[in-house]
Amino acid sequence: MNIQEKILFLRGRGLTQSQICAFTGISQSSVSKIENGEQSDVTYRKGIALDILVSSEQTKNQSDSKLIA
């Protein structure tokens, strides 16, 4: 998953740009630019925070699927 796909995944899970900013430290303007394909990189530390958030949401998704099954 590239950075834009990660942001779009999180937005699809219902997270707002503000929530993504609060967790990752990526500015709201950068989140918006990434979402729109106008920016494709962030600092390493913010990228790691984004990866952790995505992983957390994927884990929630897997847990939700198990509850439904």
N, C-alpha and C. Protein backbone atom coordinates (compact mmCIF):
# COMPACT_ATOMS: atom_id res chain seq x y z
N MET A 1 0.85 -1.17 0.00
CA MET A 1 0.00 0.00 0.00
C MET A 1 0.90 1.24 0.00
N ASN A 2 0.66 2.15 -0.94
CA ASN A 2 1.44 3.40 -0.91
C ASN A 2 0.77 4.39 0.04
N ILE A 3 1.38 5.54 0.23
CA ILE A 3 0.90 6.49 1.23
C ILE A 3 -0.52 6.99 0.90
N GLN A 4 -0.80 7.22 -0.36
CA GLN A 4 -2.14 7.67 -0.74
C GLN A 4 -3.17 6.58 -0.44
N GLU A 5 -2.84 5.35 -0.76
CA GLU A 5 -3.75 4.23 -0.48
C GLU A 5 -4.00 4.09 1.02
N LYS A 6 -2.98 4.35 1.83
CA LYS A 6 -3.14 4.27 3.29
C LYS A 6 -4.11 5.34 3.78
N ILE A 7 -3.94 6.57 3.30
CA ILE A 7 -4.84 7.65 3.69
C ILE A 7 -6.27 7.34 3.23
N LEU A 8 -6.41 6.90 2.00
CA LEU A 8 -7.75 6.57 1.48
C LEU A 8 -8.38 5.42 2.25
N PHE A 9 -7.58 4.43 2.64
CA PHE A 9 -8.08 3.33 3.46
C PHE A 9 -8.63 3.85 4.78
N LEU A 10 -7.85 4.71 5.43
CA LEU A 10 -8.28 5.26 6.72
C LEU A 10 -9.53 6.12 6.58
N ARG A 11 -9.59 6.91 5.53
CA ARG A 11 -10.77 7.74 5.29
C ARG A 11 -11.98 6.85 5.02
N GLY A 12 -11.77 5.75 4.30
CA GLY A 12 -12.84 4.80 4.04
C GLY A 12 -13.34 4.11 5.30
N ARG A 13 -12.49 4.03 6.29
CA ARG A 13 -12.86 3.43 7.58
C ARG A 13 -13.56 4.44 8.48
N GLY A 14 -13.73 5.68 7.96
CA GLY A 14 -14.47 6.69 8.71
C GLY A 14 -13.63 7.69 9.49
N LEU A 15 -12.31 7.58 9.40
CA LEU A 15 -11.47 8.54 10.10
C LEU A 15 -11.47 9.87 9.35
N THR A 16 -11.50 10.96 10.10
CA THR A 16 -11.44 12.29 9.49
C THR A 16 -9.98 12.67 9.27
N GLN A 17 -9.76 13.69 8.46
CA GLN A 17 -8.41 14.18 8.27
C GLN A 17 -7.84 14.63 9.61
N SER A 18 -8.65 15.24 10.45
CA SER A 18 -8.19 15.70 11.77
C SER A 18 -7.74 14.54 12.65
N GLN A 19 -8.47 13.43 12.61
CA GLN A 19 -8.09 12.27 13.40
C GLN A 19 -6.76 11.68 12.90
N ILE A 20 -6.59 11.63 11.59
CA ILE A 20 -5.33 11.13 11.03
C ILE A 20 -4.19 12.04 11.44
N CYS A 21 -4.42 13.34 11.40
CA CYS A 21 -3.40 14.32 11.81
C CYS A 21 -3.01 14.14 13.27
N ALA A 22 -4.03 14.00 14.11
CA ALA A 22 -3.77 13.88 15.55
C ALA A 22 -2.93 12.65 15.87
N PHE A 23 -3.16 11.55 15.20
CA PHE A 23 -2.41 10.33 15.49
C PHE A 23 -1.02 10.33 14.88
N THR A 24 -0.91 10.84 13.64
CA THR A 24 0.35 10.70 12.91
C THR A 24 1.27 11.91 12.97
N GLY A 25 0.70 13.08 13.23
CA GLY A 25 1.50 14.30 13.19
C GLY A 25 1.63 14.88 11.79
N ILE A 26 1.00 14.24 10.82
CA ILE A 26 0.98 14.76 9.45
C ILE A 26 -0.02 15.92 9.44
N SER A 27 0.37 17.06 8.89
CA SER A 27 -0.51 18.22 8.89
C SER A 27 -1.77 17.94 8.07
N GLN A 28 -2.83 18.67 8.40
CA GLN A 28 -4.09 18.48 7.69
C GLN A 28 -3.92 18.80 6.22
N SER A 29 -3.16 19.83 5.90
CA SER A 29 -2.96 20.17 4.49
C SER A 29 -2.21 19.06 3.76
N SER A 30 -1.26 18.42 4.43
CA SER A 30 -0.55 17.30 3.80
C SER A 30 -1.45 16.10 3.62
N VAL A 31 -2.29 15.80 4.61
CA VAL A 31 -3.23 14.69 4.47
C VAL A 31 -4.13 14.94 3.27
N SER A 32 -4.61 16.15 3.13
CA SER A 32 -5.46 16.50 1.99
C SER A 32 -4.72 16.35 0.67
N LYS A 33 -3.48 16.83 0.63
CA LYS A 33 -2.67 16.73 -0.60
C LYS A 33 -2.38 15.27 -0.95
N ILE A 34 -2.08 14.47 0.06
CA ILE A 34 -1.81 13.04 -0.17
C ILE A 34 -3.07 12.38 -0.71
N GLU A 35 -4.20 12.68 -0.07
CA GLU A 35 -5.47 12.09 -0.47
C GLU A 35 -5.80 12.42 -1.94
N ASN A 36 -5.41 13.61 -2.36
CA ASN A 36 -5.70 14.07 -3.73
C ASN A 36 -4.57 13.80 -4.72
N GLY A 37 -3.53 13.09 -4.28
CA GLY A 37 -2.43 12.73 -5.17
C GLY A 37 -1.47 13.86 -5.47
N GLU A 38 -1.49 14.91 -4.66
CA GLU A 38 -0.62 16.06 -4.88
C GLU A 38 0.68 15.98 -4.07
N GLN A 39 0.77 15.04 -3.17
CA GLN A 39 1.96 14.84 -2.34
C GLN A 39 2.13 13.35 -2.15
N SER A 40 3.38 12.89 -2.16
CA SER A 40 3.58 11.45 -2.07
C SER A 40 4.60 11.03 -1.02
N ASP A 41 4.97 11.95 -0.12
CA ASP A 41 5.92 11.55 0.91
C ASP A 41 5.70 12.33 2.20
N VAL A 42 6.17 11.74 3.29
CA VAL A 42 6.18 12.37 4.61
C VAL A 42 7.48 11.95 5.29
N THR A 43 7.78 12.56 6.43
CA THR A 43 8.99 12.16 7.14
C THR A 43 8.87 10.72 7.63
N TYR A 44 9.99 10.13 7.89
CA TYR A 44 10.04 8.72 8.32
C TYR A 44 9.17 8.49 9.55
N ARG A 45 9.31 9.33 10.55
CA ARG A 45 8.58 9.16 11.81
C ARG A 45 7.07 9.22 11.59
N LYS A 46 6.63 10.15 10.76
CA LYS A 46 5.21 10.28 10.48
C LYS A 46 4.72 9.09 9.64
N GLY A 47 5.57 8.59 8.77
CA GLY A 47 5.23 7.41 7.99
C GLY A 47 5.05 6.19 8.87
N ILE A 48 5.90 6.06 9.88
CA ILE A 48 5.78 4.94 10.83
C ILE A 48 4.47 5.06 11.59
N ALA A 49 4.13 6.28 12.04
CA ALA A 49 2.87 6.49 12.76
C ALA A 49 1.68 6.14 11.87
N LEU A 50 1.77 6.49 10.60
CA LEU A 50 0.70 6.17 9.64
C LEU A 50 0.58 4.65 9.49
N ASP A 51 1.71 3.96 9.39
CA ASP A 51 1.69 2.50 9.28
C ASP A 51 1.03 1.86 10.50
N ILE A 52 1.33 2.38 11.68
CA ILE A 52 0.75 1.84 12.91
C ILE A 52 -0.77 2.04 12.92
N LEU A 53 -1.21 3.23 12.49
CA LEU A 53 -2.64 3.51 12.44
C LEU A 53 -3.35 2.59 11.44
N VAL A 54 -2.76 2.41 10.27
CA VAL A 54 -3.34 1.52 9.26
C VAL A 54 -3.40 0.09 9.80
N SER A 55 -2.33 -0.36 10.40
CA SER A 55 -2.30 -1.71 10.97
C SER A 55 -3.38 -1.89 12.03
N SER A 56 -3.55 -0.89 12.86
CA SER A 56 -4.58 -0.93 13.89
C SER A 56 -5.98 -1.04 13.28
N GLU A 57 -6.22 -0.28 12.23
CA GLU A 57 -7.53 -0.32 11.56
C GLU A 57 -7.74 -1.65 10.84
N GLN A 58 -6.67 -2.21 10.27
CA GLN A 58 -6.80 -3.51 9.61
C GLN A 58 -7.12 -4.59 10.63
N THR A 59 -6.52 -4.50 11.80
CA THR A 59 -6.78 -5.46 12.87
C THR A 59 -8.23 -5.36 13.33
N LYS A 60 -8.73 -4.13 13.46
CA LYS A 60 -10.14 -3.93 13.82
C LYS A 60 -11.05 -4.54 12.77
N ASN A 61 -10.68 -4.36 11.51
CA ASN A 61 -11.47 -4.88 10.39
C ASN A 61 -11.53 -6.41 10.47
N GLN A 62 -10.40 -7.05 10.77
CA GLN A 62 -10.37 -8.51 10.89
C GLN A 62 -11.20 -8.97 12.07
N SER A 63 -11.15 -8.23 13.18
CA SER A 63 -11.94 -8.57 14.36
C SER A 63 -13.42 -8.43 14.06
N ASP A 64 -13.80 -7.36 13.35
CA ASP A 64 -15.19 -7.15 12.99
C ASP A 64 -15.69 -8.29 12.11
N SER A 65 -14.85 -8.75 11.19
CA SER A 65 -15.24 -9.84 10.29
C SER A 65 -15.49 -11.13 11.06
N LYS A 66 -14.69 -11.38 12.09
CA LYS A 66 -14.85 -12.60 12.89
C LYS A 66 -16.13 -12.55 13.69
N LEU A 67 -16.53 -11.34 14.14
CA LEU A 67 -17.76 -11.21 14.92
C LEU A 67 -18.99 -11.46 14.05
N ILE A 68 -18.90 -11.08 12.79
CA ILE A 68 -20.02 -11.24 11.87
C ILE A 68 -20.18 -12.69 11.44
N ALA A 69 -19.05 -13.40 11.29
CA ALA A 69 -19.07 -14.78 10.79
C ALA A 69 -19.64 -15.77 11.77
